[in-house]
């Protein structure tokens, strides 16, 4: 009786081990710029990994989806990527499926380090667009193949960054606005030029008037709050943000009229009023 029980337990363990060896998790990702692009959406990737898993006889138990996440960040630092890494460390899956290598990695060092750790734990990595072959970094051919593909992905990331820098430099040379809309201005629509915001300019006019009276920054911030003048994002004024507007007063000279031209007192004349307030956050 004991022998039968032992044989039955061995058969059950073998069946469970075989079933666990087919458990798979998929990882899909899109960056912000790619979400509207045809062929790389999350749903398209999910459909492809499901089809591949079914064809290979894998049990796809979970799909980890990172939306609007750049590949420049290591997999373990992404919201869903970190969950996948933790699940693999717990031994929950024996396979990882992704459409392309660059969905998971762009940095060659990150790719080699991560996949090498997985393969040492017996986890196979599948990339559908690479013929659906599992990458085994324990073999010489697997290491060579993985290093070449990871290096190509890293090169593409560098090219994207170079193109982005060139585009931003071109926009600067044309005088296009970059970054957030400054105080006293508004943007009617995406890519539209800045326009004066009369309500905010009234706040700027009052701020410059108070500063021109040699009032300390902390007192100016308090006076603006008492009069109901809010900062750019609706918060309270601080001495540091008051100081920034005062230093940039020449920007508003043309819109505020002749009165702003008389606000030319040296900033150092009121430096004593700014002492002790440098640690406050700048809110403009």
C-alpha atoms as a PDB file:
ATOM      1  CA  UNK A   1       0.000   0.000   0.000  1.00  0.00           C
ATOM      2  CA  UNK A   2       2.806   2.377   0.832  1.00  0.00           C
ATOM      3  CA  UNK A   3       4.526   1.550  -2.447  1.00  0.00           C
ATOM      4  CA  UNK A   4       1.376   2.333  -4.449  1.00  0.00           C
ATOM      5  CA  UNK A   5       1.024   5.639  -2.652  1.00  0.00           C
ATOM      6  CA  UNK A   6       4.649   6.467  -3.422  1.00  0.00           C
ATOM      7  CA  UNK A   7       4.225   5.611  -7.110  1.00  0.00           C
ATOM      8  CA  UNK A   8       1.023   7.655  -7.332  1.00  0.00           C
ATOM      9  CA  UNK A   9       2.764  10.640  -5.670  1.00  0.00           C
ATOM     10  CA  UNK A  10       5.656  10.411  -8.107  1.00  0.00           C
ATOM     11  CA  UNK A  11       3.293  10.410 -11.071  1.00  0.00           C
ATOM     12  CA  UNK A  12       1.400  13.393  -9.666  1.00  0.00           C
ATOM     13  CA  UNK A  13       4.627  15.318  -9.107  1.00  0.00           C
ATOM     14  CA  UNK A  14       5.742  14.603 -12.654  1.00  0.00           C
ATOM     15  CA  UNK A  15       2.446  15.800 -14.083  1.00  0.00           C
ATOM     16  CA  UNK A  16       2.551  18.962 -11.989  1.00  0.00           C
ATOM     17  CA  UNK A  17       6.155  19.647 -13.000  1.00  0.00           C
ATOM     18  CA  UNK A  18       5.299  19.172 -16.675  1.00  0.00           C
ATOM     19  CA  UNK A  19       2.325  21.514 -16.382  1.00  0.00           C
ATOM     20  CA  UNK A  20       4.369  24.137 -14.565  1.00  0.00           C
ATOM     21  CA  UNK A  21       7.053  23.946 -17.242  1.00  0.00           C
ATOM     22  CA  UNK A  22       4.490  25.312 -19.735  1.00  0.00           C
ATOM     23  CA  UNK A  23       3.390  28.290 -17.645  1.00  0.00           C
ATOM     24  CA  UNK A  24       4.155  31.550 -19.434  1.00  0.00           C
ATOM     25  CA  UNK A  25       3.853  35.270 -18.844  1.00  0.00           C
ATOM     26  CA  UNK A  26       3.816  37.901 -21.567  1.00  0.00           C
ATOM     27  CA  UNK A  27       5.127  41.441 -21.447  1.00  0.00           C
ATOM     28  CA  UNK A  28       3.821  44.235 -23.692  1.00  0.00           C
ATOM     29  CA  UNK A  29       4.746  47.913 -23.713  1.00  0.00           C
ATOM     30  CA  UNK A  30       4.149  51.102 -25.656  1.00  0.00           C
ATOM     31  CA  UNK A  31       5.704  54.494 -25.160  1.00  0.00           C
ATOM     32  CA  UNK A  32       3.629  57.683 -25.264  1.00  0.00           C
ATOM     33  CA  UNK A  33       4.520  58.417 -28.892  1.00  0.00           C
ATOM     34  CA  UNK A  34       3.735  54.905 -30.040  1.00  0.00           C
ATOM     35  CA  UNK A  35       0.275  54.459 -28.544  1.00  0.00           C
ATOM     36  CA  UNK A  36      -1.511  55.800 -31.624  1.00  0.00           C
ATOM     37  CA  UNK A  37       0.833  54.121 -34.116  1.00  0.00           C
ATOM     38  CA  UNK A  38      -0.522  51.239 -36.144  1.00  0.00           C
ATOM     39  CA  UNK A  39       0.941  47.849 -35.338  1.00  0.00           C
ATOM     40  CA  UNK A  40       2.494  48.566 -31.952  1.00  0.00           C
ATOM     41  CA  UNK A  41      -0.569  49.136 -29.796  1.00  0.00           C
ATOM     42  CA  UNK A  42      -0.999  47.129 -26.630  1.00  0.00           C
ATOM     43  CA  UNK A  43      -3.983  45.203 -27.987  1.00  0.00           C
ATOM     44  CA  UNK A  44      -2.078  44.226 -31.114  1.00  0.00           C
ATOM     45  CA  UNK A  45       0.841  42.968 -29.045  1.00  0.00           C
ATOM     46  CA  UNK A  46      -1.462  41.035 -26.720  1.00  0.00           C
ATOM     47  CA  UNK A  47      -3.134  39.310 -29.671  1.00  0.00           C
ATOM     48  CA  UNK A  48       0.228  38.273 -31.102  1.00  0.00           C
ATOM     49  CA  UNK A  49       1.623  36.845 -27.864  1.00  0.00           C
ATOM     50  CA  UNK A  50      -1.613  34.904 -27.283  1.00  0.00           C
ATOM     51  CA  UNK A  51      -1.445  33.436 -30.779  1.00  0.00           C
ATOM     52  CA  UNK A  52       2.201  32.500 -30.348  1.00  0.00           C
ATOM     53  CA  UNK A  53       1.629  30.883 -26.946  1.00  0.00           C
ATOM     54  CA  UNK A  54      -1.229  28.800 -28.330  1.00  0.00           C
ATOM     55  CA  UNK A  55       0.889  27.661 -31.269  1.00  0.00           C
ATOM     56  CA  UNK A  56       3.745  26.643 -28.968  1.00  0.00           C
ATOM     57  CA  UNK A  57       1.528  24.870 -26.465  1.00  0.00           C
ATOM     58  CA  UNK A  58       2.300  27.357 -23.688  1.00  0.00           C
ATOM     59  CA  UNK A  59      -0.203  28.241 -20.975  1.00  0.00           C
ATOM     60  CA  UNK A  60      -0.235  32.041 -21.011  1.00  0.00           C
ATOM     61  CA  UNK A  61      -1.344  32.823 -17.473  1.00  0.00           C
ATOM     62  CA  UNK A  62      -0.756  36.571 -17.266  1.00  0.00           C
ATOM     63  CA  UNK A  63       0.030  39.575 -19.467  1.00  0.00           C
ATOM     64  CA  UNK A  64       1.961  42.458 -17.918  1.00  0.00           C
ATOM     65  CA  UNK A  65       1.110  45.738 -19.668  1.00  0.00           C
ATOM     66  CA  UNK A  66       3.175  48.921 -19.416  1.00  0.00           C
ATOM     67  CA  UNK A  67       1.449  51.826 -21.154  1.00  0.00           C
ATOM     68  CA  UNK A  68       3.217  55.102 -21.849  1.00  0.00           C
ATOM     69  CA  UNK A  69       6.543  53.843 -20.468  1.00  0.00           C
ATOM     70  CA  UNK A  70       9.838  54.560 -22.210  1.00  0.00           C
ATOM     71  CA  UNK A  71      12.148  51.671 -23.011  1.00  0.00           C
ATOM     72  CA  UNK A  72      15.040  53.773 -21.737  1.00  0.00           C
ATOM     73  CA  UNK A  73      14.127  52.726 -18.185  1.00  0.00           C
ATOM     74  CA  UNK A  74      15.325  49.276 -17.051  1.00  0.00           C
ATOM     75  CA  UNK A  75      12.615  46.633 -17.003  1.00  0.00           C
ATOM     76  CA  UNK A  76      12.727  46.248 -13.215  1.00  0.00           C
ATOM     77  CA  UNK A  77      11.990  49.975 -12.720  1.00  0.00           C
ATOM     78  CA  UNK A  78       8.798  50.007 -14.797  1.00  0.00           C
ATOM     79  CA  UNK A  79       5.440  49.538 -13.003  1.00  0.00           C
ATOM     80  CA  UNK A  80       4.428  46.252 -14.665  1.00  0.00           C
ATOM     81  CA  UNK A  81       7.978  45.270 -15.525  1.00  0.00           C
ATOM     82  CA  UNK A  82       8.869  45.163 -11.841  1.00  0.00           C
ATOM     83  CA  UNK A  83       5.852  42.911 -11.181  1.00  0.00           C
ATOM     84  CA  UNK A  84       7.010  40.546 -13.911  1.00  0.00           C
ATOM     85  CA  UNK A  85      10.531  40.408 -12.487  1.00  0.00           C
ATOM     86  CA  UNK A  86       9.183  39.684  -9.001  1.00  0.00           C
ATOM     87  CA  UNK A  87       6.923  36.902 -10.315  1.00  0.00           C
ATOM     88  CA  UNK A  88       9.829  35.263 -12.141  1.00  0.00           C
ATOM     89  CA  UNK A  89      11.966  35.431  -9.017  1.00  0.00           C
ATOM     90  CA  UNK A  90       9.210  33.591  -7.156  1.00  0.00           C
ATOM     91  CA  UNK A  91       9.269  30.867  -9.824  1.00  0.00           C
ATOM     92  CA  UNK A  92       5.689  31.458 -10.986  1.00  0.00           C
ATOM     93  CA  UNK A  93       6.495  31.168 -14.727  1.00  0.00           C
ATOM     94  CA  UNK A  94       8.873  29.167 -16.886  1.00  0.00           C
ATOM     95  CA  UNK A  95       8.550  31.289 -20.031  1.00  0.00           C
ATOM     96  CA  UNK A  96       8.478  34.980 -20.917  1.00  0.00           C
ATOM     97  CA  UNK A  97       6.953  36.025 -24.249  1.00  0.00           C
ATOM     98  CA  UNK A  98       7.292  39.436 -25.917  1.00  0.00           C
ATOM     99  CA  UNK A  99       6.661  40.627 -29.452  1.00  0.00           C
ATOM    100  CA  UNK A 100      10.063  42.255 -29.879  1.00  0.00           C
ATOM    101  CA  UNK A 101      13.252  42.529 -27.896  1.00  0.00           C
ATOM    102  CA  UNK A 102      12.881  46.323 -27.686  1.00  0.00           C
ATOM    103  CA  UNK A 103       9.533  45.933 -25.911  1.00  0.00           C
ATOM    104  CA  UNK A 104      11.521  44.653 -22.923  1.00  0.00           C
ATOM    105  CA  UNK A 105      14.970  46.178 -23.337  1.00  0.00           C
ATOM    106  CA  UNK A 106      16.849  48.981 -25.067  1.00  0.00           C
ATOM    107  CA  UNK A 107      19.996  48.902 -22.987  1.00  0.00           C
ATOM    108  CA  UNK A 108      22.392  46.076 -23.866  1.00  0.00           C
ATOM    109  CA  UNK A 109      23.777  45.777 -20.330  1.00  0.00           C
ATOM    110  CA  UNK A 110      20.283  45.638 -18.831  1.00  0.00           C
ATOM    111  CA  UNK A 111      19.199  43.021 -21.357  1.00  0.00           C
ATOM    112  CA  UNK A 112      22.210  40.752 -20.900  1.00  0.00           C
ATOM    113  CA  UNK A 113      22.139  40.985 -17.102  1.00  0.00           C
ATOM    114  CA  UNK A 114      18.395  40.333 -16.806  1.00  0.00           C
ATOM    115  CA  UNK A 115      18.089  37.500 -19.335  1.00  0.00           C
ATOM    116  CA  UNK A 116      21.222  35.801 -18.025  1.00  0.00           C
ATOM    117  CA  UNK A 117      19.657  35.695 -14.577  1.00  0.00           C
ATOM    118  CA  UNK A 118      16.444  34.253 -15.992  1.00  0.00           C
ATOM    119  CA  UNK A 119      18.109  31.504 -17.998  1.00  0.00           C
ATOM    120  CA  UNK A 120      20.165  30.435 -14.999  1.00  0.00           C
ATOM    121  CA  UNK A 121      16.818  29.842 -13.270  1.00  0.00           C
ATOM    122  CA  UNK A 122      15.566  27.781 -16.213  1.00  0.00           C
ATOM    123  CA  UNK A 123      13.313  30.518 -17.660  1.00  0.00           C
ATOM    124  CA  UNK A 124      13.057  30.617 -21.456  1.00  0.00           C
ATOM    125  CA  UNK A 125      12.647  33.937 -23.275  1.00  0.00           C
ATOM    126  CA  UNK A 126      10.603  34.118 -26.492  1.00  0.00           C
ATOM    127  CA  UNK A 127      10.525  36.997 -28.991  1.00  0.00           C
ATOM    128  CA  UNK A 128       7.745  36.548 -31.550  1.00  0.00           C
ATOM    129  CA  UNK A 129       9.205  38.824 -34.233  1.00  0.00           C
ATOM    130  CA  UNK A 130      12.535  36.963 -34.096  1.00  0.00           C
ATOM    131  CA  UNK A 131      11.037  33.772 -35.422  1.00  0.00           C
ATOM    132  CA  UNK A 132       9.572  32.832 -32.080  1.00  0.00           C
ATOM    133  CA  UNK A 133      12.801  31.201 -30.935  1.00  0.00           C
ATOM    134  CA  UNK A 134      13.665  30.914 -27.274  1.00  0.00           C
ATOM    135  CA  UNK A 135      16.894  32.700 -26.417  1.00  0.00           C
ATOM    136  CA  UNK A 136      19.173  30.539 -24.313  1.00  0.00           C
ATOM    137  CA  UNK A 137      22.001  32.662 -22.944  1.00  0.00           C
ATOM    138  CA  UNK A 138      23.708  29.533 -21.597  1.00  0.00           C
ATOM    139  CA  UNK A 139      24.827  28.628 -25.114  1.00  0.00           C
ATOM    140  CA  UNK A 140      27.501  30.440 -27.085  1.00  0.00           C
ATOM    141  CA  UNK A 141      25.113  31.078 -29.987  1.00  0.00           C
ATOM    142  CA  UNK A 142      22.424  32.368 -27.640  1.00  0.00           C
ATOM    143  CA  UNK A 143      24.810  34.815 -25.966  1.00  0.00           C
ATOM    144  CA  UNK A 144      26.080  36.030 -29.327  1.00  0.00           C
ATOM    145  CA  UNK A 145      22.586  36.458 -30.772  1.00  0.00           C
ATOM    146  CA  UNK A 146      21.280  38.241 -27.668  1.00  0.00           C
ATOM    147  CA  UNK A 147      24.235  40.620 -27.427  1.00  0.00           C
ATOM    148  CA  UNK A 148      23.935  41.616 -31.104  1.00  0.00           C
ATOM    149  CA  UNK A 149      20.183  42.267 -30.884  1.00  0.00           C
ATOM    150  CA  UNK A 150      20.495  44.174 -27.586  1.00  0.00           C
ATOM    151  CA  UNK A 151      23.279  46.344 -29.009  1.00  0.00           C
ATOM    152  CA  UNK A 152      21.146  47.153 -32.070  1.00  0.00           C
ATOM    153  CA  UNK A 153      18.242  48.116 -29.822  1.00  0.00           C
ATOM    154  CA  UNK A 154      20.503  50.348 -27.730  1.00  0.00           C
ATOM    155  CA  UNK A 155      21.838  51.983 -30.906  1.00  0.00           C
ATOM    156  CA  UNK A 156      18.288  52.771 -32.010  1.00  0.00           C
ATOM    157  CA  UNK A 157      17.541  54.384 -28.656  1.00  0.00           C
ATOM    158  CA  UNK A 158      20.622  56.564 -29.064  1.00  0.00           C
ATOM    159  CA  UNK A 159      19.506  57.556 -32.555  1.00  0.00           C
ATOM    160  CA  UNK A 160      16.070  58.520 -31.226  1.00  0.00           C
ATOM    161  CA  UNK A 161      17.665  60.721 -28.570  1.00  0.00           C
ATOM    162  CA  UNK A 162      19.913  62.375 -31.152  1.00  0.00           C
ATOM    163  CA  UNK A 163      16.933  63.114 -33.401  1.00  0.00           C
ATOM    164  CA  UNK A 164      15.000  64.527 -30.451  1.00  0.00           C
ATOM    165  CA  UNK A 165      17.852  66.850 -29.491  1.00  0.00           C
ATOM    166  CA  UNK A 166      18.178  68.019 -33.099  1.00  0.00           C
ATOM    167  CA  UNK A 167      14.437  68.704 -33.321  1.00  0.00           C
ATOM    168  CA  UNK A 168      14.446  70.694 -30.068  1.00  0.00           C
ATOM    169  CA  UNK A 169      17.439  72.710 -31.223  1.00  0.00           C
ATOM    170  CA  UNK A 170      15.624  73.511 -34.465  1.00  0.00           C
ATOM    171  CA  UNK A 171      12.554  74.678 -32.525  1.00  0.00           C
ATOM    172  CA  UNK A 172      14.735  76.905 -30.329  1.00  0.00           C
ATOM    173  CA  UNK A 173      16.326  78.482 -33.393  1.00  0.00           C
ATOM    174  CA  UNK A 174      12.851  79.223 -34.789  1.00  0.00           C
ATOM    175  CA  UNK A 175      11.817  80.779 -31.490  1.00  0.00           C
ATOM    176  CA  UNK A 176       9.159  78.161 -30.733  1.00  0.00           C
ATOM    177  CA  UNK A 177       8.045  77.803 -27.141  1.00  0.00           C
ATOM    178  CA  UNK A 178       9.502  74.899 -25.179  1.00  0.00           C
ATOM    179  CA  UNK A 179       8.393  73.847 -21.731  1.00  0.00           C
ATOM    180  CA  UNK A 180       5.546  75.192 -19.611  1.00  0.00           C
ATOM    181  CA  UNK A 181       3.642  78.414 -20.182  1.00  0.00           C
ATOM    182  CA  UNK A 182       5.187  81.204 -18.059  1.00  0.00           C
ATOM    183  CA  UNK A 183       3.264  83.517 -15.751  1.00  0.00           C
ATOM    184  CA  UNK A 184       1.456  86.287 -17.600  1.00  0.00           C
ATOM    185  CA  UNK A 185       0.899  84.236 -20.752  1.00  0.00           C
ATOM    186  CA  UNK A 186      -1.426  81.567 -22.069  1.00  0.00           C
ATOM    187  CA  UNK A 187      -1.334  79.112 -24.944  1.00  0.00           C
ATOM    188  CA  UNK A 188      -4.587  78.976 -26.963  1.00  0.00           C
ATOM    189  CA  UNK A 189      -3.806  75.513 -28.309  1.00  0.00           C
ATOM    190  CA  UNK A 190      -1.053  72.941 -28.772  1.00  0.00           C
ATOM    191  CA  UNK A 191       1.853  74.495 -30.635  1.00  0.00           C
ATOM    192  CA  UNK A 192       0.234  77.941 -30.681  1.00  0.00           C
ATOM    193  CA  UNK A 193       2.310  81.027 -29.807  1.00  0.00           C
ATOM    194  CA  UNK A 194       2.056  82.633 -26.384  1.00  0.00           C
ATOM    195  CA  UNK A 195      -0.570  85.293 -25.770  1.00  0.00           C
ATOM    196  CA  UNK A 196      -0.848  87.758 -22.851  1.00  0.00           C
ATOM    197  CA  UNK A 197      -3.078  86.679 -19.967  1.00  0.00           C
ATOM    198  CA  UNK A 198      -4.607  89.893 -18.617  1.00  0.00           C
ATOM    199  CA  UNK A 199      -5.633  88.417 -15.267  1.00  0.00           C
ATOM    200  CA  UNK A 200      -2.151  87.135 -14.576  1.00  0.00           C
ATOM    201  CA  UNK A 201      -0.576  90.342 -15.846  1.00  0.00           C
ATOM    202  CA  UNK A 202      -2.631  92.237 -13.278  1.00  0.00           C
ATOM    203  CA  UNK A 203      -1.023  90.069 -10.611  1.00  0.00           C
ATOM    204  CA  UNK A 204       2.410  90.738 -12.097  1.00  0.00           C
ATOM    205  CA  UNK A 205       1.729  94.490 -12.151  1.00  0.00           C
ATOM    206  CA  UNK A 206       0.761  94.446  -8.476  1.00  0.00           C
ATOM    207  CA  UNK A 207       3.789  92.328  -7.572  1.00  0.00           C
ATOM    208  CA  UNK A 208       6.200  94.656  -9.340  1.00  0.00           C
ATOM    209  CA  UNK A 209       4.520  97.648  -7.745  1.00  0.00           C
ATOM    210  CA  UNK A 210       5.042  96.208  -4.268  1.00  0.00           C
ATOM    211  CA  UNK A 211       8.619  95.193  -5.005  1.00  0.00           C
ATOM    212  CA  UNK A 212       9.320  98.663  -6.355  1.00  0.00           C
ATOM    213  CA  UNK A 213       8.388 100.041  -2.955  1.00  0.00           C
ATOM    214  CA  UNK A 214      11.344  98.140  -1.449  1.00  0.00           C
ATOM    215  CA  UNK A 215       8.988  95.759   0.315  1.00  0.00           C
ATOM    216  CA  UNK A 216      10.693  92.448   1.293  1.00  0.00           C
ATOM    217  CA  UNK A 217       9.757  89.433  -0.771  1.00  0.00           C
ATOM    218  CA  UNK A 218       8.098  87.695   2.141  1.00  0.00           C
ATOM    219  CA  UNK A 219       5.867  90.743   2.727  1.00  0.00           C
ATOM    220  CA  UNK A 220       5.036  90.926  -0.981  1.00  0.00           C
ATOM    221  CA  UNK A 221       4.000  87.277  -0.994  1.00  0.00           C
ATOM    222  CA  UNK A 222       1.812  87.833   2.073  1.00  0.00           C
ATOM    223  CA  UNK A 223       0.224  90.960   0.568  1.00  0.00           C
ATOM    224  CA  UNK A 224      -0.562  89.174  -2.700  1.00  0.00           C
ATOM    225  CA  UNK A 225      -2.270  86.374  -0.776  1.00  0.00           C
ATOM    226  CA  UNK A 226      -4.330  88.850   1.249  1.00  0.00           C
ATOM    227  CA  UNK A 227      -5.457  90.582  -1.938  1.00  0.00           C
ATOM    228  CA  UNK A 228      -6.486  87.290  -3.545  1.00  0.00           C
ATOM    229  CA  UNK A 229      -3.726  87.057  -6.137  1.00  0.00           C
ATOM    230  CA  UNK A 230      -2.840  83.419  -6.800  1.00  0.00           C
ATOM    231  CA  UNK A 231       0.280  82.012  -8.444  1.00  0.00           C
ATOM    232  CA  UNK A 232       0.358  80.408 -11.901  1.00  0.00           C
ATOM    233  CA  UNK A 233      -0.955  77.059 -10.738  1.00  0.00           C
ATOM    234  CA  UNK A 234      -3.432  78.481  -8.273  1.00  0.00           C
ATOM    235  CA  UNK A 235      -1.234  78.113  -5.212  1.00  0.00           C
ATOM    236  CA  UNK A 236       0.077  80.676  -2.747  1.00  0.00           C
ATOM    237  CA  UNK A 237       2.941  82.999  -3.455  1.00  0.00           C
ATOM    238  CA  UNK A 238       6.294  82.443  -1.759  1.00  0.00           C
ATOM    239  CA  UNK A 239       9.202  84.825  -1.381  1.00  0.00           C
ATOM    240  CA  UNK A 240      11.297  82.762  -3.801  1.00  0.00           C
ATOM    241  CA  UNK A 241       8.682  82.913  -6.558  1.00  0.00           C
ATOM    242  CA  UNK A 242       8.191  86.642  -5.989  1.00  0.00           C
ATOM    243  CA  UNK A 243      11.930  87.104  -6.424  1.00  0.00           C
ATOM    244  CA  UNK A 244      11.926  85.171  -9.717  1.00  0.00           C
ATOM    245  CA  UNK A 245       9.231  87.425 -11.172  1.00  0.00           C
ATOM    246  CA  UNK A 246      11.080  90.529 -10.007  1.00  0.00           C
ATOM    247  CA  UNK A 247      14.293  89.344 -11.652  1.00  0.00           C
ATOM    248  CA  UNK A 248      12.365  88.714 -14.891  1.00  0.00           C
ATOM    249  CA  UNK A 249      10.603  92.098 -14.842  1.00  0.00           C
ATOM    250  CA  UNK A 250      12.104  93.130 -18.179  1.00  0.00           C
ATOM    251  CA  UNK A 251       9.989  90.416 -19.816  1.00  0.00           C
ATOM    252  CA  UNK A 252       6.820  92.255 -18.821  1.00  0.00           C
ATOM    253  CA  UNK A 253       7.986  95.803 -19.572  1.00  0.00           C
ATOM    254  CA  UNK A 254       6.377  96.002 -23.007  1.00  0.00           C
ATOM    255  CA  UNK A 255       3.002  94.695 -21.849  1.00  0.00           C
ATOM    256  CA  UNK A 256       2.710  96.589 -18.581  1.00  0.00           C
ATOM    257  CA  UNK A 257       3.360 100.037 -20.033  1.00  0.00           C
ATOM    258  CA  UNK A 258       5.637 102.827 -18.948  1.00  0.00           C
ATOM    259  CA  UNK A 259       5.160 102.196 -15.212  1.00  0.00           C
ATOM    260  CA  UNK A 260       7.147  98.984 -15.401  1.00  0.00           C
ATOM    261  CA  UNK A 261      10.159 100.857 -16.763  1.00  0.00           C
ATOM    262  CA  UNK A 262      10.618 102.620 -13.420  1.00  0.00           C
ATOM    263  CA  UNK A 263      10.918  99.319 -11.571  1.00  0.00           C
ATOM    264  CA  UNK A 264      14.669  99.155 -11.915  1.00  0.00           C
ATOM    265  CA  UNK A 265      15.864  99.140  -8.299  1.00  0.00           C
ATOM    266  CA  UNK A 266      18.743  96.799  -7.647  1.00  0.00           C
ATOM    267  CA  UNK A 267      17.776  93.418  -6.325  1.00  0.00           C
ATOM    268  CA  UNK A 268      20.531  93.649  -3.729  1.00  0.00           C
ATOM    269  CA  UNK A 269      18.866  96.674  -2.101  1.00  0.00           C
ATOM    270  CA  UNK A 270      16.248  94.336  -0.656  1.00  0.00           C
ATOM    271  CA  UNK A 271      18.351  91.227  -0.165  1.00  0.00           C
ATOM    272  CA  UNK A 272      17.853  91.402   3.592  1.00  0.00           C
ATOM    273  CA  UNK A 273      14.138  90.811   3.068  1.00  0.00           C
ATOM    274  CA  UNK A 274      14.854  87.671   1.097  1.00  0.00           C
ATOM    275  CA  UNK A 275      17.103  86.083   3.713  1.00  0.00           C
ATOM    276  CA  UNK A 276      15.571  83.143   5.483  1.00  0.00           C
ATOM    277  CA  UNK A 277      13.166  82.459   2.625  1.00  0.00           C
ATOM    278  CA  UNK A 278      15.454  80.675   0.195  1.00  0.00           C
ATOM    279  CA  UNK A 279      14.401  77.268   1.411  1.00  0.00           C
ATOM    280  CA  UNK A 280      10.801  77.738   0.269  1.00  0.00           C
ATOM    281  CA  UNK A 281       9.567  76.148  -2.938  1.00  0.00           C
ATOM    282  CA  UNK A 282       9.322  78.277  -6.042  1.00  0.00           C
ATOM    283  CA  UNK A 283       5.776  78.511  -7.303  1.00  0.00           C
ATOM    284  CA  UNK A 284       5.322  80.840 -10.253  1.00  0.00           C
END
